Amino acid sequence: MFKRIEKYKCPRCESEDILEFDNFISCYKCHLDFDKKFLGVINDENILAREELKGIFDTFSKRDT
């Protein structure tokens, strides 16, 4: 289901201590998850963690109610 590899690095802290899943990576150092579809496509400093994306989505969802 998951494996550790060296080809990814965390876009936030640049750690290579990464756990890879099918669609995302998880950083052991900063404990953030990042969607693979953004890695290498968007500059690292502009990539939002899944937790941050969820917070933005939740904010807009609450405004609609």
C-alpha atoms as a PDB file:
ATOM      1  CA  MET A   1       0.000   0.000   0.000  1.00  0.00           C
ATOM      2  CA  PHE A   2       2.818   2.460   0.742  1.00  0.00           C
ATOM      3  CA  LYS A   3       6.562   2.527   0.428  1.00  0.00           C
ATOM      4  CA  ARG A   4       9.524   4.733   1.285  1.00  0.00           C
ATOM      5  CA  ILE A   5      11.469   6.077  -1.646  1.00  0.00           C
ATOM      6  CA  GLU A   6      14.072   8.737  -2.241  1.00  0.00           C
ATOM      7  CA  LYS A   7      12.735  10.339  -5.423  1.00  0.00           C
ATOM      8  CA  TYR A   8      10.400  12.756  -3.623  1.00  0.00           C
ATOM      9  CA  LYS A   9      11.237  15.518  -1.207  1.00  0.00           C
ATOM     10  CA  CYS A  10       8.894  17.563   0.910  1.00  0.00           C
ATOM     11  CA  PRO A  11       8.071  20.869  -0.802  1.00  0.00           C
ATOM     12  CA  ARG A  12       7.736  22.546   2.611  1.00  0.00           C
ATOM     13  CA  CYS A  13      10.793  21.433   4.605  1.00  0.00           C
ATOM     14  CA  GLU A  14      12.773  19.722   1.808  1.00  0.00           C
ATOM     15  CA  SER A  15      13.122  16.525   3.840  1.00  0.00           C
ATOM     16  CA  GLU A  16      13.634  13.330   1.871  1.00  0.00           C
ATOM     17  CA  ASP A  17      12.144  11.279   4.719  1.00  0.00           C
ATOM     18  CA  ILE A  18       8.916  10.705   2.788  1.00  0.00           C
ATOM     19  CA  LEU A  19       6.233   8.058   2.819  1.00  0.00           C
ATOM     20  CA  GLU A  20       4.680   7.557  -0.614  1.00  0.00           C
ATOM     21  CA  PHE A  21       1.056   6.586  -1.204  1.00  0.00           C
ATOM     22  CA  ASP A  22      -0.741   6.190  -4.536  1.00  0.00           C
ATOM     23  CA  ASN A  23      -1.857   9.827  -4.896  1.00  0.00           C
ATOM     24  CA  PHE A  24       0.115  11.721  -2.278  1.00  0.00           C
ATOM     25  CA  ILE A  25       3.260  11.838  -0.176  1.00  0.00           C
ATOM     26  CA  SER A  26       3.518  12.308   3.563  1.00  0.00           C
ATOM     27  CA  CYS A  27       6.485  13.991   5.240  1.00  0.00           C
ATOM     28  CA  TYR A  28       7.812  12.432   8.447  1.00  0.00           C
ATOM     29  CA  LYS A  29       9.551  15.661   9.465  1.00  0.00           C
ATOM     30  CA  CYS A  30       6.824  18.307   9.133  1.00  0.00           C
ATOM     31  CA  HIS A  31       3.854  15.882   9.182  1.00  0.00           C
ATOM     32  CA  LEU A  32       2.175  17.376   6.101  1.00  0.00           C
ATOM     33  CA  ASP A  33       0.688  15.575   3.105  1.00  0.00           C
ATOM     34  CA  PHE A  34       1.040  16.759  -0.506  1.00  0.00           C
ATOM     35  CA  ASP A  35      -0.794  15.646  -3.654  1.00  0.00           C
ATOM     36  CA  LYS A  36       1.585  14.129  -6.197  1.00  0.00           C
ATOM     37  CA  LYS A  37      -0.217  15.858  -9.074  1.00  0.00           C
ATOM     38  CA  PHE A  38       1.253  19.211  -7.959  1.00  0.00           C
ATOM     39  CA  LEU A  39       4.836  18.017  -7.406  1.00  0.00           C
ATOM     40  CA  GLY A  40       7.157  19.072 -10.197  1.00  0.00           C
ATOM     41  CA  VAL A  41       4.361  21.081 -11.828  1.00  0.00           C
ATOM     42  CA  ILE A  42       4.055  23.968  -9.367  1.00  0.00           C
ATOM     43  CA  ASN A  43       7.016  25.639  -7.648  1.00  0.00           C
ATOM     44  CA  ASP A  44       7.543  24.081  -4.212  1.00  0.00           C
ATOM     45  CA  GLU A  45       6.929  27.361  -2.379  1.00  0.00           C
ATOM     46  CA  ASN A  46       3.458  27.582  -3.973  1.00  0.00           C
ATOM     47  CA  ILE A  47       2.299  24.031  -3.232  1.00  0.00           C
ATOM     48  CA  LEU A  48      -0.286  23.804  -0.485  1.00  0.00           C
ATOM     49  CA  ALA A  49      -0.465  20.786   1.788  1.00  0.00           C
ATOM     50  CA  ARG A  50      -3.624  18.705   1.730  1.00  0.00           C
ATOM     51  CA  GLU A  51      -4.437  20.036   5.195  1.00  0.00           C
ATOM     52  CA  GLU A  52      -4.239  23.629   3.920  1.00  0.00           C
ATOM     53  CA  LEU A  53      -6.363  22.857   0.851  1.00  0.00           C
ATOM     54  CA  LYS A  54      -8.996  21.271   3.092  1.00  0.00           C
ATOM     55  CA  GLY A  55      -9.047  24.377   5.292  1.00  0.00           C
ATOM     56  CA  ILE A  56      -9.672  26.609   2.284  1.00  0.00           C
ATOM     57  CA  PHE A  57     -12.401  24.313   0.963  1.00  0.00           C
ATOM     58  CA  ASP A  58     -14.065  24.128   4.388  1.00  0.00           C
ATOM     59  CA  THR A  59     -14.050  27.932   4.685  1.00  0.00           C
ATOM     60  CA  PHE A  60     -15.897  28.356   1.396  1.00  0.00           C
ATOM     61  CA  SER A  61     -18.276  25.489   2.171  1.00  0.00           C
ATOM     62  CA  LYS A  62     -19.300  27.145   5.451  1.00  0.00           C
ATOM     63  CA  ARG A  63     -19.991  30.458   3.680  1.00  0.00           C
ATOM     64  CA  ASP A  64     -22.597  28.770   1.479  1.00  0.00           C
ATOM     65  CA  THR A  65     -24.697  27.560   4.423  1.00  0.00           C
END
